[in-house]
Amino acid sequence: MKTFALCLLTLTLIGCNSSTPAVPEVSPGLTQDQLVPTLQKIAETGQYDAVLQDLTVGLENAGHMEQAVTVQRFNELSDPEDIKKLATQVVATIQK
């Protein structure tokens, strides 16, 4: 009985001391006004790494789900010219 009580006490103390895992912060994304200028900059430079997550979330928040999926394809493209073309296509679909 002592062993059982000791085990129960130990498990209780371990459970009370364990910290909860940190919840990762989710980006609020770009505003609707920032989407087209950001995509145009990507279309000019081919650089997207710093803004991809914010761009994707911003597109989703604005209801542009297909475009959000499309910009995720930037990761699959190795040629900056292909990235530029795809960004230009996304801008055209948003501006319709």
Protein backbone atom coordinates (compact mmCIF):
# COMPACT_ATOMS: atom_id res chain seq x y z
CA MET A 1 0.00 0.00 0.00
CA LYS A 2 2.87 2.36 0.78
CA THR A 3 4.38 1.67 -2.64
CA PHE A 4 1.09 2.43 -4.36
CA ALA A 5 0.67 5.68 -2.43
CA LEU A 6 4.26 6.68 -3.19
CA CYS A 7 3.78 5.96 -6.92
CA LEU A 8 0.53 7.94 -6.97
CA LEU A 9 2.17 10.88 -5.21
CA THR A 10 5.16 10.79 -7.57
CA LEU A 11 2.93 10.73 -10.66
CA THR A 12 0.87 13.59 -9.30
CA LEU A 13 3.94 15.72 -8.65
CA ILE A 14 5.40 14.96 -12.06
CA GLY A 15 2.11 15.87 -13.72
CA CYS A 16 1.89 19.16 -11.84
CA ASN A 17 5.44 20.18 -12.70
CA SER A 18 5.37 19.43 -16.39
CA SER A 19 5.04 22.54 -18.49
CA THR A 20 2.68 22.72 -21.39
CA PRO A 21 4.30 22.92 -24.80
CA ALA A 22 4.50 26.39 -26.25
CA VAL A 23 1.93 27.19 -28.89
CA PRO A 24 3.60 28.49 -32.05
CA GLU A 25 2.63 31.99 -33.03
CA VAL A 26 0.56 32.21 -36.17
CA SER A 27 1.19 35.12 -38.43
CA PRO A 28 -1.75 37.47 -38.91
CA GLY A 29 -0.81 37.63 -42.58
CA LEU A 30 -0.68 40.51 -45.00
CA THR A 31 -3.61 42.87 -45.30
CA GLN A 32 -5.64 42.87 -48.49
CA ASP A 33 -3.95 46.13 -49.52
CA GLN A 34 -0.52 44.51 -49.23
CA LEU A 35 -1.24 41.41 -51.33
CA VAL A 36 -0.86 42.80 -54.85
CA PRO A 37 2.21 44.97 -54.10
CA THR A 38 3.90 42.01 -52.42
CA LEU A 39 3.14 39.72 -55.35
CA GLN A 40 4.35 42.37 -57.78
CA LYS A 41 7.62 42.61 -55.87
CA ILE A 42 7.99 38.82 -56.09
CA ALA A 43 7.23 39.05 -59.82
CA GLU A 44 10.07 41.57 -60.17
CA THR A 45 12.68 39.92 -57.97
CA GLY A 46 11.77 36.23 -57.75
CA GLN A 47 12.42 36.44 -53.99
CA TYR A 48 9.64 35.19 -51.74
CA ASP A 49 11.18 33.42 -48.72
CA ALA A 50 10.68 36.25 -46.22
CA VAL A 51 7.01 36.81 -47.05
CA LEU A 52 5.62 33.42 -48.10
CA GLN A 53 3.85 32.60 -44.83
CA ASP A 54 2.37 36.09 -44.43
CA LEU A 55 1.36 36.13 -48.09
CA THR A 56 -0.36 32.76 -47.85
CA VAL A 57 -2.27 33.69 -44.69
CA GLY A 58 -3.23 37.05 -46.19
CA LEU A 59 -4.55 35.39 -49.34
CA GLU A 60 -6.55 32.91 -47.27
CA ASN A 61 -7.97 35.68 -45.08
CA ALA A 62 -9.02 37.60 -48.19
CA GLY A 63 -10.80 34.53 -49.57
CA HIS A 64 -8.26 33.80 -52.32
CA MET A 65 -7.85 30.11 -51.47
CA GLU A 66 -6.72 28.96 -54.93
CA GLN A 67 -4.09 31.69 -55.04
CA ALA A 68 -2.89 30.73 -51.56
CA VAL A 69 -2.36 27.17 -52.80
CA THR A 70 -0.63 28.48 -55.92
CA VAL A 71 1.91 30.61 -54.03
CA GLN A 72 2.84 27.56 -51.97
CA ARG A 73 4.19 26.14 -55.25
CA PHE A 74 6.98 28.73 -55.13
CA ASN A 75 8.86 26.24 -52.93
CA GLU A 76 8.75 23.66 -55.72
CA LEU A 77 10.26 25.98 -58.30
CA SER A 78 14.02 26.37 -58.50
CA ASP A 79 14.22 28.91 -61.33
CA PRO A 80 13.53 32.50 -60.24
CA GLU A 81 12.05 33.20 -63.70
CA ASP A 82 9.38 30.53 -63.07
CA ILE A 83 8.61 32.11 -59.71
CA LYS A 84 8.27 35.51 -61.37
CA LYS A 85 5.87 34.14 -63.99
CA LEU A 86 3.73 32.39 -61.39
CA ALA A 87 3.59 35.53 -59.22
CA THR A 88 2.49 37.54 -62.26
CA GLN A 89 -0.28 35.02 -62.94
CA VAL A 90 -1.49 35.22 -59.34
CA VAL A 91 -1.59 39.03 -59.51
CA ALA A 92 -3.70 38.80 -62.67
CA THR A 93 -6.23 36.46 -61.03
CA ILE A 94 -6.54 38.66 -57.94
CA GLN A 95 -7.07 41.82 -59.96
CA LYS A 96 -9.94 40.32 -61.98
